[in-house]
Amino acid sequence: NMESKHSIEKQTAHFVDCFTTVSDITNNECKELLDKPADAVLMN
């Protein structure tokens, strides 16, 4: 029951100029669950 939150997150990741995340482990999550690897990993 997470369709809307997942949808806005996934579509934003696909349509912005640059998609980033904060770690390699989260990037694996993005690849698998959002079907889009980050363009850059920005460590905190």
Full PDB file with SEQRES, HELIX, SHEET, SSBOND, CRYST1, ORIGX, SCALE, CONECT and MASTER records, all heavy atoms in Angstrom:
SEQRES   1 A   44  ASN MET GLU SER LYS HIS SER ILE GLU LYS GLN THR ALA          
SEQRES   2 A   44  HIS PHE VAL ASP CYS PHE THR THR VAL SER ASP ILE THR          
SEQRES   3 A   44  ASN ASN GLU CYS LYS GLU LEU LEU ASP LYS PRO ALA ASP          
SEQRES   4 A   44  ALA VAL LEU MET ASN                                          
HELIX    1 AA1 GLU A    3  PHE A   15  1                                  13    
HELIX    2 AA2 ASP A   24  LEU A   33  1                                  10    
SHEET    1 AA1 2 THR A  20  THR A  21  0                                        
SHEET    2 AA1 2 ALA A  40  VAL A  41  1                                        
CRYST1    1.000    1.000    1.000  90.00  90.00  90.00 P 1           1          
ORIGX1      1.000000  0.000000  0.000000        0.00000                         
ORIGX2      0.000000  1.000000  0.000000        0.00000                         
ORIGX3      0.000000  0.000000  1.000000        0.00000                         
SCALE1      1.000000  0.000000  0.000000        0.00000                         
SCALE2      0.000000  1.000000  0.000000        0.00000                         
SCALE3      0.000000  0.000000  1.000000        0.00000                         
ATOM      1  N   ASN A   1       0.824  -1.219   0.000  1.00  0.00           N  
ATOM      2  CA  ASN A   1       0.000   0.000   0.000  1.00  0.00           C  
ATOM      3  C   ASN A   1       0.858   1.269   0.000  1.00  0.00           C  
ATOM      4  O   ASN A   1       0.616   2.212   0.746  1.00  0.00           O  
ATOM      5  CB  ASN A   1      -0.941  -0.017   1.219  1.00  0.00           C  
ATOM      6  CG  ASN A   1      -2.122   0.926   1.030  1.00  0.00           C  
ATOM      7  OD1 ASN A   1      -2.421   1.342  -0.091  1.00  0.00           O  
ATOM      8  ND2 ASN A   1      -2.792   1.270   2.114  1.00  0.00           N  
ATOM      9  N   MET A   2       1.891   1.267  -0.853  1.00  0.00           N  
ATOM     10  CA  MET A   2       2.838   2.380  -0.929  1.00  0.00           C  
ATOM     11  C   MET A   2       2.885   2.970  -2.340  1.00  0.00           C  
ATOM     12  O   MET A   2       3.873   3.605  -2.719  1.00  0.00           O  
ATOM     13  CB  MET A   2       4.244   1.877  -0.566  1.00  0.00           C  
ATOM     14  CG  MET A   2       4.457   1.582   0.892  1.00  0.00           C  
ATOM     15  SD  MET A   2       4.637   3.077   1.858  1.00  0.00           S  
ATOM     16  CE  MET A   2       6.203   3.684   1.261  1.00  0.00           C  
ATOM     17  N   GLU A   3       1.841   2.744  -3.126  1.00  0.00           N  
ATOM     18  CA  GLU A   3       1.915   3.077  -4.555  1.00  0.00           C  
ATOM     19  C   GLU A   3       2.234   4.543  -4.852  1.00  0.00           C  
ATOM     20  O   GLU A   3       3.069   4.842  -5.697  1.00  0.00           O  
ATOM     21  CB  GLU A   3       0.606   2.664  -5.253  1.00  0.00           C  
ATOM     22  CG  GLU A   3       0.536   1.170  -5.491  1.00  0.00           C  
ATOM     23  CD  GLU A   3      -0.887   0.681  -5.671  1.00  0.00           C  
ATOM     24  OE1 GLU A   3      -1.633   0.650  -4.686  1.00  0.00           O  
ATOM     25  OE2 GLU A   3      -1.240   0.336  -6.809  1.00  0.00           O  
ATOM     26  N   SER A   4       1.555   5.465  -4.164  1.00  0.00           N  
ATOM     27  CA  SER A   4       1.740   6.884  -4.496  1.00  0.00           C  
ATOM     28  C   SER A   4       3.118   7.410  -4.102  1.00  0.00           C  
ATOM     29  O   SER A   4       3.770   8.095  -4.882  1.00  0.00           O  
ATOM     30  CB  SER A   4       0.633   7.721  -3.856  1.00  0.00           C  
ATOM     31  OG  SER A   4      -0.594   7.398  -4.467  1.00  0.00           O  
ATOM     32  N   LYS A   5       3.569   7.064  -2.905  1.00  0.00           N  
ATOM     33  CA  LYS A   5       4.904   7.517  -2.461  1.00  0.00           C  
ATOM     34  C   LYS A   5       5.990   6.923  -3.363  1.00  0.00           C  
ATOM     35  O   LYS A   5       6.940   7.614  -3.743  1.00  0.00           O  
ATOM     36  CB  LYS A   5       5.151   7.117  -1.003  1.00  0.00           C  
ATOM     37  CG  LYS A   5       4.313   7.891  -0.011  1.00  0.00           C  
ATOM     38  CD  LYS A   5       4.577   7.430   1.413  1.00  0.00           C  
ATOM     39  CE  LYS A   5       3.655   8.151   2.386  1.00  0.00           C  
ATOM     40  NZ  LYS A   5       3.859   7.735   3.778  1.00  0.00           N  
ATOM     41  N   HIS A   6       5.829   5.653  -3.691  1.00  0.00           N  
ATOM     42  CA  HIS A   6       6.797   4.994  -4.569  1.00  0.00           C  
ATOM     43  C   HIS A   6       6.779   5.632  -5.957  1.00  0.00           C  
ATOM     44  O   HIS A   6       7.825   5.860  -6.565  1.00  0.00           O  
ATOM     45  CB  HIS A   6       6.471   3.500  -4.666  1.00  0.00           C  
ATOM     46  CG  HIS A   6       7.293   2.767  -5.679  1.00  0.00           C  
ATOM     47  ND1 HIS A   6       8.657   2.582  -5.543  1.00  0.00           N  
ATOM     48  CD2 HIS A   6       6.951   2.176  -6.863  1.00  0.00           C  
ATOM     49  CE1 HIS A   6       9.121   1.909  -6.597  1.00  0.00           C  
ATOM     50  NE2 HIS A   6       8.108   1.650  -7.404  1.00  0.00           N  
ATOM     51  N   SER A   7       5.592   5.957  -6.434  1.00  0.00           N  
ATOM     52  CA  SER A   7       5.450   6.525  -7.777  1.00  0.00           C  
ATOM     53  C   SER A   7       6.121   7.896  -7.899  1.00  0.00           C  
ATOM     54  O   SER A   7       6.868   8.144  -8.840  1.00  0.00           O  
ATOM     55  CB  SER A   7       3.970   6.641  -8.148  1.00  0.00           C  
ATOM     56  OG  SER A   7       3.842   7.190  -9.444  1.00  0.00           O  
ATOM     57  N   ILE A   8       5.857   8.784  -6.934  1.00  0.00           N  
ATOM     58  CA  ILE A   8       6.468  10.121  -7.023  1.00  0.00           C  
ATOM     59  C   ILE A   8       7.984  10.018  -6.912  1.00  0.00           C  
ATOM     60  O   ILE A   8       8.726  10.690  -7.628  1.00  0.00           O  
ATOM     61  CB  ILE A   8       5.900  11.111  -5.974  1.00  0.00           C  
ATOM     62  CG1 ILE A   8       6.490  12.519  -6.134  1.00  0.00           C  
ATOM     63  CG2 ILE A   8       6.101  10.651  -4.547  1.00  0.00           C  
ATOM     64  CD1 ILE A   8       6.208  13.202  -7.432  1.00  0.00           C  
ATOM     65  N   GLU A   9       8.459   9.107  -6.057  1.00  0.00           N  
ATOM     66  CA  GLU A   9       9.910   8.947  -5.895  1.00  0.00           C  
ATOM     67  C   GLU A   9      10.549   8.394  -7.174  1.00  0.00           C  
ATOM     68  O   GLU A   9      11.564   8.906  -7.649  1.00  0.00           O  
ATOM     69  CB  GLU A   9      10.183   8.009  -4.722  1.00  0.00           C  
ATOM     70  CG  GLU A   9      11.658   7.876  -4.404  1.00  0.00           C  
ATOM     71  CD  GLU A   9      11.899   7.087  -3.129  1.00  0.00           C  
ATOM     72  OE1 GLU A   9      11.245   6.053  -2.919  1.00  0.00           O  
ATOM     73  OE2 GLU A   9      12.748   7.510  -2.342  1.00  0.00           O  
ATOM     74  N   LYS A  10       9.927   7.383  -7.732  1.00  0.00           N  
ATOM     75  CA  LYS A  10      10.477   6.744  -8.929  1.00  0.00           C  
ATOM     76  C   LYS A  10      10.449   7.690 -10.130  1.00  0.00           C  
ATOM     77  O   LYS A  10      11.458   7.829 -10.834  1.00  0.00           O  
ATOM     78  CB  LYS A  10       9.673   5.477  -9.245  1.00  0.00           C  
ATOM     79  CG  LYS A  10      10.214   4.707 -10.453  1.00  0.00           C  
ATOM     80  CD  LYS A  10       9.447   3.414 -10.686  1.00  0.00           C  
ATOM     81  CE  LYS A  10       9.958   2.701 -11.930  1.00  0.00           C  
ATOM     82  NZ  LYS A  10       9.269   1.420 -12.166  1.00  0.00           N  
ATOM     83  N   GLN A  11       9.328   8.358 -10.353  1.00  0.00           N  
ATOM     84  CA  GLN A  11       9.212   9.246 -11.517  1.00  0.00           C  
ATOM     85  C   GLN A  11      10.157  10.445 -11.387  1.00  0.00           C  
ATOM     86  O   GLN A  11      10.744  10.885 -12.374  1.00  0.00           O  
ATOM     87  CB  GLN A  11       7.764   9.702 -11.715  1.00  0.00           C  
ATOM     88  CG  GLN A  11       6.764   8.570 -11.988  1.00  0.00           C  
ATOM     89  CD  GLN A  11       7.238   7.596 -13.051  1.00  0.00           C  
ATOM     90  OE1 GLN A  11       7.818   6.554 -12.756  1.00  0.00           O  
ATOM     91  NE2 GLN A  11       7.010   7.930 -14.301  1.00  0.00           N  
ATOM     92  N   THR A  12      10.304  10.949 -10.172  1.00  0.00           N  
ATOM     93  CA  THR A  12      11.232  12.077  -9.969  1.00  0.00           C  
ATOM     94  C   THR A  12      12.658  11.632 -10.288  1.00  0.00           C  
ATOM     95  O   THR A  12      13.396  12.331 -10.989  1.00  0.00           O  
ATOM     96  CB  THR A  12      11.138  12.624  -8.530  1.00  0.00           C  
ATOM     97  OG1 THR A  12       9.781  12.914  -8.220  1.00  0.00           O  
ATOM     98  CG2 THR A  12      11.949  13.898  -8.373  1.00  0.00           C  
ATOM     99  N   ALA A  13      13.034  10.460  -9.792  1.00  0.00           N  
ATOM    100  CA  ALA A  13      14.376   9.922 -10.057  1.00  0.00           C  
ATOM    101  C   ALA A  13      14.648   9.817 -11.556  1.00  0.00           C  
ATOM    102  O   ALA A  13      15.755  10.096 -12.028  1.00  0.00           O  
ATOM    103  CB  ALA A  13      14.532   8.557  -9.393  1.00  0.00           C  
ATOM    104  N   HIS A  14      13.626   9.428 -12.319  1.00  0.00           N  
ATOM    105  CA  HIS A  14      13.790   9.228 -13.760  1.00  0.00           C  
ATOM    106  C   HIS A  14      13.795  10.532 -14.555  1.00  0.00           C  
ATOM    107  O   HIS A  14      14.405  10.610 -15.616  1.00  0.00           O  
ATOM    108  CB  HIS A  14      12.687   8.296 -14.286  1.00  0.00           C  
ATOM    109  CG  HIS A  14      12.950   6.852 -14.007  1.00  0.00           C  
ATOM    110  ND1 HIS A  14      13.480   5.984 -14.942  1.00  0.00           N  
ATOM    111  CD2 HIS A  14      12.794   6.109 -12.879  1.00  0.00           C  
ATOM    112  CE1 HIS A  14      13.605   4.774 -14.408  1.00  0.00           C  
ATOM    113  NE2 HIS A  14      13.205   4.824 -13.157  1.00  0.00           N  
ATOM    114  N   PHE A  15      13.084  11.564 -14.068  1.00  0.00           N  
ATOM    115  CA  PHE A  15      12.878  12.758 -14.904  1.00  0.00           C  
ATOM    116  C   PHE A  15      13.743  13.969 -14.556  1.00  0.00           C  
ATOM    117  O   PHE A  15      13.857  14.884 -15.370  1.00  0.00           O  
ATOM    118  CB  PHE A  15      11.404  13.171 -14.885  1.00  0.00           C  
ATOM    119  CG  PHE A  15      10.541  12.318 -15.793  1.00  0.00           C  
ATOM    120  CD1 PHE A  15       9.703  11.347 -15.261  1.00  0.00           C  
ATOM    121  CD2 PHE A  15      10.572  12.479 -17.171  1.00  0.00           C  
ATOM    122  CE1 PHE A  15       8.913  10.549 -16.090  1.00  0.00           C  
ATOM    123  CE2 PHE A  15       9.786  11.698 -18.006  1.00  0.00           C  
ATOM    124  CZ  PHE A  15       8.949  10.722 -17.465  1.00  0.00           C  
ATOM    125  N   VAL A  16      14.333  14.012 -13.349  1.00  0.00           N  
ATOM    126  CA  VAL A  16      15.177  15.183 -13.025  1.00  0.00           C  
ATOM    127  C   VAL A  16      16.481  15.129 -13.827  1.00  0.00           C  
ATOM    128  O   VAL A  16      16.823  14.107 -14.412  1.00  0.00           O  
ATOM    129  CB  VAL A  16      15.508  15.264 -11.506  1.00  0.00           C  
ATOM    130  CG1 VAL A  16      14.294  15.645 -10.692  1.00  0.00           C  
ATOM    131  CG2 VAL A  16      16.148  13.980 -11.011  1.00  0.00           C  
ATOM    132  N   ASP A  17      17.208  16.247 -13.801  1.00  0.00           N  
ATOM    133  CA  ASP A  17      18.483  16.305 -14.530  1.00  0.00           C  
ATOM    134  C   ASP A  17      19.534  15.399 -13.891  1.00  0.00           C  
ATOM    135  O   ASP A  17      20.355  14.810 -14.587  1.00  0.00           O  
ATOM    136  CB  ASP A  17      19.014  17.741 -14.550  1.00  0.00           C  
ATOM    137  CG  ASP A  17      18.093  18.668 -15.325  1.00  0.00           C  
ATOM    138  OD1 ASP A  17      17.631  18.266 -16.415  1.00  0.00           O  
ATOM    139  OD2 ASP A  17      17.797  19.777 -14.834  1.00  0.00           O  
ATOM    140  N   CYS A  18      19.498  15.311 -12.554  1.00  0.00           N  
ATOM    141  CA  CYS A  18      20.516  14.522 -11.861  1.00  0.00           C  
ATOM    142  C   CYS A  18      19.898  13.847 -10.638  1.00  0.00           C  
ATOM    143  O   CYS A  18      19.318  14.514  -9.781  1.00  0.00           O  
ATOM    144  CB  CYS A  18      21.667  15.437 -11.439  1.00  0.00           C  
ATOM    145  SG  CYS A  18      22.993  14.572 -10.581  1.00  0.00           S  
ATOM    146  N   PHE A  19      20.021  12.531 -10.586  1.00  0.00           N  
ATOM    147  CA  PHE A  19      19.491  11.754  -9.468  1.00  0.00           C  
ATOM    148  C   PHE A  19      20.655  11.306  -8.591  1.00  0.00           C  
ATOM    149  O   PHE A  19      21.619  10.726  -9.088  1.00  0.00           O  
ATOM    150  CB  PHE A  19      18.709  10.544 -10.002  1.00  0.00           C  
ATOM    151  CG  PHE A  19      18.264   9.570  -8.955  1.00  0.00           C  
ATOM    152  CD1 PHE A  19      17.631  10.007  -7.796  1.00  0.00           C  
ATOM    153  CD2 PHE A  19      18.477   8.198  -9.118  1.00  0.00           C  
ATOM    154  CE1 PHE A  19      17.218   9.107  -6.818  1.00  0.00           C  
ATOM    155  CE2 PHE A  19      18.055   7.284  -8.148  1.00  0.00           C  
ATOM    156  CZ  PHE A  19      17.429   7.743  -7.000  1.00  0.00           C  
ATOM    157  N   THR A  20      20.580  11.594  -7.293  1.00  0.00           N  
ATOM    158  CA  THR A  20      21.684  11.225  -6.395  1.00  0.00           C  
ATOM    159  C   THR A  20      21.158  10.486  -5.172  1.00  0.00           C  
ATOM    160  O   THR A  20      19.983  10.587  -4.820  1.00  0.00           O  
ATOM    161  CB  THR A  20      22.483  12.465  -5.909  1.00  0.00           C  
ATOM    162  OG1 THR A  20      21.760  13.115  -4.851  1.00  0.00           O  
ATOM    163  CG2 THR A  20      22.731  13.451  -7.036  1.00  0.00           C  
ATOM    164  N   THR A  21      22.062   9.763  -4.528  1.00  0.00           N  
ATOM    165  CA  THR A  21      21.745   9.151  -3.236  1.00  0.00           C  
ATOM    166  C   THR A  21      22.980   9.244  -2.351  1.00  0.00           C  
ATOM    167  O   THR A  21      24.003   9.783  -2.766  1.00  0.00           O  
ATOM    168  CB  THR A  21      21.230   7.703  -3.399  1.00  0.00           C  
ATOM    169  OG1 THR A  21      20.715   7.273  -2.145  1.00  0.00           O  
ATOM    170  CG2 THR A  21      22.322   6.755  -3.856  1.00  0.00           C  
ATOM    171  N   VAL A  22      22.889   8.715  -1.120  1.00  0.00           N  
ATOM    172  CA  VAL A  22      23.904   9.042  -0.114  1.00  0.00           C  
ATOM    173  C   VAL A  22      24.887   7.913   0.202  1.00  0.00           C  
ATOM    174  O   VAL A  22      25.793   8.090   1.012  1.00  0.00           O  
ATOM    175  CB  VAL A  22      23.227   9.510   1.199  1.00  0.00           C  
ATOM    176  CG1 VAL A  22      22.504  10.826   0.974  1.00  0.00           C  
ATOM    177  CG2 VAL A  22      22.263   8.457   1.722  1.00  0.00           C  
ATOM    178  N   SER A  23      24.694   6.728  -0.391  1.00  0.00           N  
ATOM    179  CA  SER A  23      25.637   5.632  -0.131  1.00  0.00           C  
ATOM    180  C   SER A  23      25.533   4.592  -1.238  1.00  0.00           C  
ATOM    181  O   SER A  23      24.527   4.538  -1.958  1.00  0.00           O  
ATOM    182  CB  SER A  23      25.333   4.970   1.219  1.00  0.00           C  
ATOM    183  OG  SER A  23      24.090   4.282   1.147  1.00  0.00           O  
ATOM    184  N   ASP A  24      26.548   3.767  -1.340  1.00  0.00           N  
ATOM    185  CA  ASP A  24      26.535   2.701  -2.353  1.00  0.00           C  
ATOM    186  C   ASP A  24      25.447   1.675  -2.063  1.00  0.00           C  
ATOM    187  O   ASP A  24      24.821   1.150  -2.977  1.00  0.00           O  
ATOM    188  CB  ASP A  24      27.910   2.003  -2.406  1.00  0.00           C  
ATOM    189  CG  ASP A  24      28.987   2.940  -2.956  1.00  0.00           C  
ATOM    190  OD1 ASP A  24      28.647   3.776  -3.823  1.00  0.00           O  
ATOM    191  OD2 ASP A  24      30.142   2.848  -2.508  1.00  0.00           O  
ATOM    192  N   ILE A  25      25.208   1.408  -0.780  1.00  0.00           N  
ATOM    193  CA  ILE A  25      24.197   0.415  -0.422  1.00  0.00           C  
ATOM    194  C   ILE A  25      22.787   0.915  -0.799  1.00  0.00           C  
ATOM    195  O   ILE A  25      21.953   0.161  -1.287  1.00  0.00           O  
ATOM    196  CB  ILE A  25      24.305   0.020   1.077  1.00  0.00           C  
ATOM    197  CG1 ILE A  25      23.619  -1.314   1.321  1.00  0.00           C  
ATOM    198  CG2 ILE A  25      23.787   1.089   2.010  1.00  0.00           C  
ATOM    199  CD1 ILE A  25      23.971  -1.958   2.652  1.00  0.00           C  
ATOM    200  N   THR A  26      22.554   2.229  -0.614  1.00  0.00           N  
ATOM    201  CA  THR A  26      21.259   2.798  -1.011  1.00  0.00           C  
ATOM    202  C   THR A  26      21.156   2.861  -2.527  1.00  0.00           C  
ATOM    203  O   THR A  26      20.068   2.713  -3.100  1.00  0.00           O  
ATOM    204  CB  THR A  26      21.063   4.199  -0.391  1.00  0.00           C  
ATOM    205  OG1 THR A  26      21.385   4.143   0.995  1.00  0.00           O  
ATOM    206  CG2 THR A  26      19.627   4.673  -0.539  1.00  0.00           C  
ATOM    207  N   ASN A  27      22.288   3.036  -3.184  1.00  0.00           N  
ATOM    208  CA  ASN A  27      22.286   3.046  -4.650  1.00  0.00           C  
ATOM    209  C   ASN A  27      21.846   1.687  -5.209  1.00  0.00           C  
ATOM    210  O   ASN A  27      21.141   1.623  -6.219  1.00  0.00           O  
ATOM    211  CB  ASN A  27      23.674   3.431  -5.179  1.00  0.00           C  
ATOM    212  CG  ASN A  27      23.635   3.782  -6.654  1.00  0.00           C  
ATOM    213  OD1 ASN A  27      22.585   4.144  -7.199  1.00  0.00           O  
ATOM    214  ND2 ASN A  27      24.759   3.670  -7.312  1.00  0.00           N  
ATOM    215  N   ASN A  28      22.254   0.599  -4.538  1.00  0.00           N  
ATOM    216  CA  ASN A  28      21.782  -0.733  -4.947  1.00  0.00           C  
ATOM    217  C   ASN A  28      20.263  -0.819  -4.844  1.00  0.00           C  
ATOM    218  O   ASN A  28      19.598  -1.390  -5.710  1.00  0.00           O  
ATOM    219  CB  ASN A  28      22.408  -1.825  -4.057  1.00  0.00           C  
ATOM    220  CG  ASN A  28      23.879  -2.012  -4.363  1.00  0.00           C  
ATOM    221  OD1 ASN A  28      24.339  -1.661  -5.444  1.00  0.00           O  
ATOM    222  ND2 ASN A  28      24.621  -2.548  -3.403  1.00  0.00           N  
ATOM    223  N   GLU A  29      19.741  -0.240  -3.777  1.00  0.00           N  
ATOM    224  CA  GLU A  29      18.289  -0.172  -3.569  1.00  0.00           C  
ATOM    225  C   GLU A  29      17.618   0.584  -4.721  1.00  0.00           C  
ATOM    226  O   GLU A  29      16.590   0.156  -5.244  1.00  0.00           O  
ATOM    227  CB  GLU A  29      18.041   0.596  -2.270  1.00  0.00           C  
ATOM    228  CG  GLU A  29      17.177  -0.106  -1.259  1.00  0.00           C  
ATOM    229  CD  GLU A  29      17.008   0.754  -0.012  1.00  0.00           C  
ATOM    230  OE1 GLU A  29      17.950   0.825   0.810  1.00  0.00           O  
ATOM    231  OE2 GLU A  29      15.938   1.367   0.130  1.00  0.00           O  
ATOM    232  N   CYS A  30      18.204   1.717  -5.088  1.00  0.00           N  
ATOM    233  CA  CYS A  30      17.651   2.537  -6.169  1.00  0.00           C  
ATOM    234  C   CYS A  30      17.625   1.769  -7.490  1.00  0.00           C  
ATOM    235  O   CYS A  30      16.636   1.785  -8.221  1.00  0.00           O  
ATOM    236  CB  CYS A  30      18.454   3.829  -6.338  1.00  0.00           C  
ATOM    237  SG  CYS A  30      18.393   4.905  -4.901  1.00  0.00           S  
ATOM    238  N   LYS A  31      18.740   1.093  -7.776  1.00  0.00           N  
ATOM    239  CA  LYS A  31      18.837   0.296  -9.014  1.00  0.00           C  
ATOM    240  C   LYS A  31      17.726  -0.735  -9.084  1.00  0.00           C  
ATOM    241  O   LYS A  31      17.067  -0.904 -10.109  1.00  0.00           O  
ATOM    242  CB  LYS A  31      20.201  -0.425  -9.058  1.00  0.00           C  
ATOM    243  CG  LYS A  31      21.258   0.318  -9.838  1.00  0.00           C  
ATOM    244  CD  LYS A  31      22.554  -0.497  -9.939  1.00  0.00           C  
ATOM    245  CE  LYS A  31      23.471  -0.158  -8.782  1.00  0.00           C  
ATOM    246  NZ  LYS A  31      24.838  -0.680  -8.897  1.00  0.00           N  
ATOM    247  N   GLU A  32      17.536  -1.466  -7.985  1.00  0.00           N  
ATOM    248  CA  GLU A  32      16.578  -2.575  -7.966  1.00  0.00           C  
ATOM    249  C   GLU A  32      15.130  -2.109  -7.840  1.00  0.00           C  
ATOM    250  O   GLU A  32      14.246  -2.642  -8.502  1.00  0.00           O  
ATOM    251  CB  GLU A  32      16.899  -3.530  -6.807  1.00  0.00           C  
ATOM    252  CG  GLU A  32      18.182  -4.314  -7.004  1.00  0.00           C  
ATOM    253  CD  GLU A  32      18.143  -5.259  -8.195  1.00  0.00           C  
ATOM    254  OE1 GLU A  32      17.046  -5.743  -8.546  1.00  0.00           O  
ATOM    255  OE2 GLU A  32      19.201  -5.498  -8.801  1.00  0.00           O  
ATOM    256  N   LEU A  33      14.869  -1.132  -6.969  1.00  0.00           N  
ATOM    257  CA  LEU A  33      13.486  -0.794  -6.619  1.00  0.00           C  
ATOM    258  C   LEU A  33      12.934   0.391  -7.407  1.00  0.00           C  
ATOM    259  O   LEU A  33      11.720   0.511  -7.593  1.00  0.00           O  
ATOM    260  CB  LEU A  33      13.378  -0.516  -5.112  1.00  0.00           C  
ATOM    261  CG  LEU A  33      13.816  -1.679  -4.212  1.00  0.00           C  
ATOM    262  CD1 LEU A  33      13.804  -1.262  -2.747  1.00  0.00           C  
ATOM    263  CD2 LEU A  33      12.930  -2.901  -4.420  1.00  0.00           C  
ATOM    264  N   LEU A  34      13.815   1.278  -7.864  1.00  0.00           N  
ATOM    265  CA  LEU A  34      13.363   2.433  -8.654  1.00  0.00           C  
ATOM    266  C   LEU A  34      13.722   2.269 -10.134  1.00  0.00           C  
ATOM    267  O   LEU A  34      13.409   3.133 -10.950  1.00  0.00           O  
ATOM    268  CB  LEU A  34      13.983   3.740  -8.129  1.00  0.00           C  
ATOM    269  CG  LEU A  34      13.745   4.085  -6.655  1.00  0.00           C  
ATOM    270  CD1 LEU A  34      14.431   5.402  -6.294  1.00  0.00           C  
ATOM    271  CD2 LEU A  34      12.255   4.173  -6.336  1.00  0.00           C  
ATOM    272  N   ASP A  35      14.411   1.173 -10.459  1.00  0.00           N  
ATOM    273  CA  ASP A  35      14.873   0.913 -11.832  1.00  0.00           C  
ATOM    274  C   ASP A  35      15.730   2.051 -12.367  1.00  0.00           C  
ATOM    275  O   ASP A  35      15.692   2.379 -13.550  1.00  0.00           O  
ATOM    276  CB  ASP A  35      13.669   0.682 -12.775  1.00  0.00           C  
ATOM    277  CG  ASP A  35      12.829  -0.505 -12.338  1.00  0.00           C  
ATOM    278  OD1 ASP A  35      13.413  -1.469 -11.814  1.00  0.00           O  
ATOM    279  OD2 ASP A  35      11.595  -0.454 -12.489  1.00  0.00           O  
ATOM    280  N   LYS A  36      16.504   2.679 -11.473  1.00  0.00           N  
ATOM    281  CA  LYS A  36      17.363   3.784 -11.904  1.00  0.00           C  
ATOM    282  C   LYS A  36      18.518   3.932 -10.926  1.00  0.00           C  
ATOM    283  O   LYS A  36      18.297   4.281  -9.765  1.00  0.00           O  
ATOM    284  CB  LYS A  36      16.530   5.088 -11.937  1.00  0.00           C  
ATOM    285  CG  LYS A  36      17.335   6.373 -12.122  1.00  0.00           C  
ATOM    286  CD  LYS A  36      17.555   6.690 -13.595  1.00  0.00           C  
ATOM    287  CE  LYS A  36      18.123   8.077 -13.816  1.00  0.00           C  
ATOM    288  NZ  LYS A  36      19.560   8.197 -13.503  1.00  0.00           N  
ATOM    289  N   PRO A  37      19.745   3.633 -11.363  1.00  0.00           N  
ATOM    290  CA  PRO A  37      20.881   3.900 -10.469  1.00  0.00           C  
ATOM    291  C   PRO A  37      21.113   5.402 -10.362  1.00  0.00           C  
ATOM    292  O   PRO A  37      20.753   6.158 -11.269  1.00  0.00           O  
ATOM    293  CB  PRO A  37      22.054   3.212 -11.184  1.00  0.00           C  
ATOM    294  CG  PRO A  37      21.657   3.142 -12.618  1.00  0.00           C  
ATOM    295  CD  PRO A  37      20.146   3.092 -12.665  1.00  0.00           C  
ATOM    296  N   ALA A  38      21.696   5.828  -9.260  1.00  0.00           N  
ATOM    297  CA  ALA A  38      21.995   7.253  -9.077  1.00  0.00           C  
ATOM    298  C   ALA A  38      23.039   7.711 -10.094  1.00  0.00           C  
ATOM    299  O   ALA A  38      23.927   6.943 -10.471  1.00  0.00           O  
ATOM    300  CB  ALA A  38      22.506   7.485  -7.664  1.00  0.00           C  
ATOM    301  N   ASP A  39      22.913   8.957 -10.531  1.00  0.00           N  
ATOM    302  CA  ASP A  39      23.928   9.542 -11.421  1.00  0.00           C  
ATOM    303  C   ASP A  39      25.201   9.844 -10.631  1.00  0.00           C  
ATOM    304  O   ASP A  39      26.295   9.867 -11.190  1.00  0.00           O  
ATOM    305  CB  ASP A  39      23.387  10.825 -12.061  1.00  0.00           C  
ATOM    306  CG  ASP A  39      22.157  10.547 -12.914  1.00  0.00           C  
ATOM    307  OD1 ASP A  39      22.239   9.686 -13.808  1.00  0.00           O  
ATOM    308  OD2 ASP A  39      21.105  11.171 -12.675  1.00  0.00           O  
ATOM    309  N   ALA A  40      25.023  10.103  -9.333  1.00  0.00           N  
ATOM    310  CA  ALA A  40      26.181  10.350  -8.461  1.00  0.00           C  
ATOM    311  C   ALA A  40      25.813   9.956  -7.040  1.00  0.00           C  
ATOM    312  O   ALA A  40      24.673  10.141  -6.622  1.00  0.00           O  
ATOM    313  CB  ALA A  40      26.559  11.833  -8.497  1.00  0.00           C  
ATOM    314  N   VAL A  41      26.793   9.376  -6.340  1.00  0.00           N  
ATOM    315  CA  VAL A  41      26.592   9.064  -4.923  1.00  0.00           C  
ATOM    316  C   VAL A  41      27.259  10.177  -4.109  1.00  0.00           C  
ATOM    317  O   VAL A  41      28.464  10.395  -4.218  1.00  0.00           O  
ATOM    318  CB  VAL A  41      27.189   7.681  -4.551  1.00  0.00           C  
ATOM    319  CG1 VAL A  41      27.120   7.439  -3.043  1.00  0.00           C  
ATOM    320  CG2 VAL A  41      26.458   6.567  -5.292  1.00  0.00           C  
ATOM    321  N   LEU A  42      26.451  10.923  -3.353  1.00  0.00           N  
ATOM    322  CA  LEU A  42      26.954  12.045  -2.549  1.00  0.00           C  
ATOM    323  C   LEU A  42      26.940  11.623  -1.089  1.00  0.00           C  
ATOM    324  O   LEU A  42      25.892  11.616  -0.446  1.00  0.00           O  
ATOM    325  CB  LEU A  42      26.074  13.286  -2.741  1.00  0.00           C  
ATOM    326  CG  LEU A  42      25.832  13.771  -4.176  1.00  0.00           C  
ATOM    327  CD1 LEU A  42      24.847  14.922  -4.182  1.00  0.00           C  
ATOM    328  CD2 LEU A  42      27.149  14.197  -4.825  1.00  0.00           C  
ATOM    329  N   MET A  43      28.101  11.258  -0.578  1.00  0.00           N  
ATOM    330  CA  MET A  43      28.191  10.814   0.816  1.00  0.00           C  
ATOM    331  C   MET A  43      27.832  11.972   1.756  1.00  0.00           C  
ATOM    332  O   MET A  43      28.207  13.117   1.507  1.00  0.00           O  
ATOM    333  CB  MET A  43      29.613  10.345   1.138  1.00  0.00           C  
ATOM    334  CG  MET A  43      30.088   9.199   0.271  1.00  0.00           C  
ATOM    335  SD  MET A  43      29.238   7.675   0.693  1.00  0.00           S  
ATOM    336  CE  MET A  43      30.053   6.514  -0.416  1.00  0.00           C  
ATOM    337  N   ASN A  44      27.149  11.658   2.842  1.00  0.00           N  
ATOM    338  CA  ASN A  44      26.868  12.674   3.861  1.00  0.00           C  
ATOM    339  C   ASN A  44      28.171  13.092   4.532  1.00  0.00           C  
ATOM    340  O   ASN A  44      29.053  12.271   4.762  1.00  0.00           O  
ATOM    341  CB  ASN A  44      25.910  12.125   4.926  1.00  0.00           C  
ATOM    342  CG  ASN A  44      24.488  11.993   4.403  1.00  0.00           C  
ATOM    343  OD1 ASN A  44      24.067  12.762   3.544  1.00  0.00           O  
ATOM    344  ND2 ASN A  44      23.749  11.031   4.916  1.00  0.00           N  
TER     345      ASN A  44                                                      
MASTER        0    0    0    2    2    0    0    6  344    1    0    4          
END                                                                             
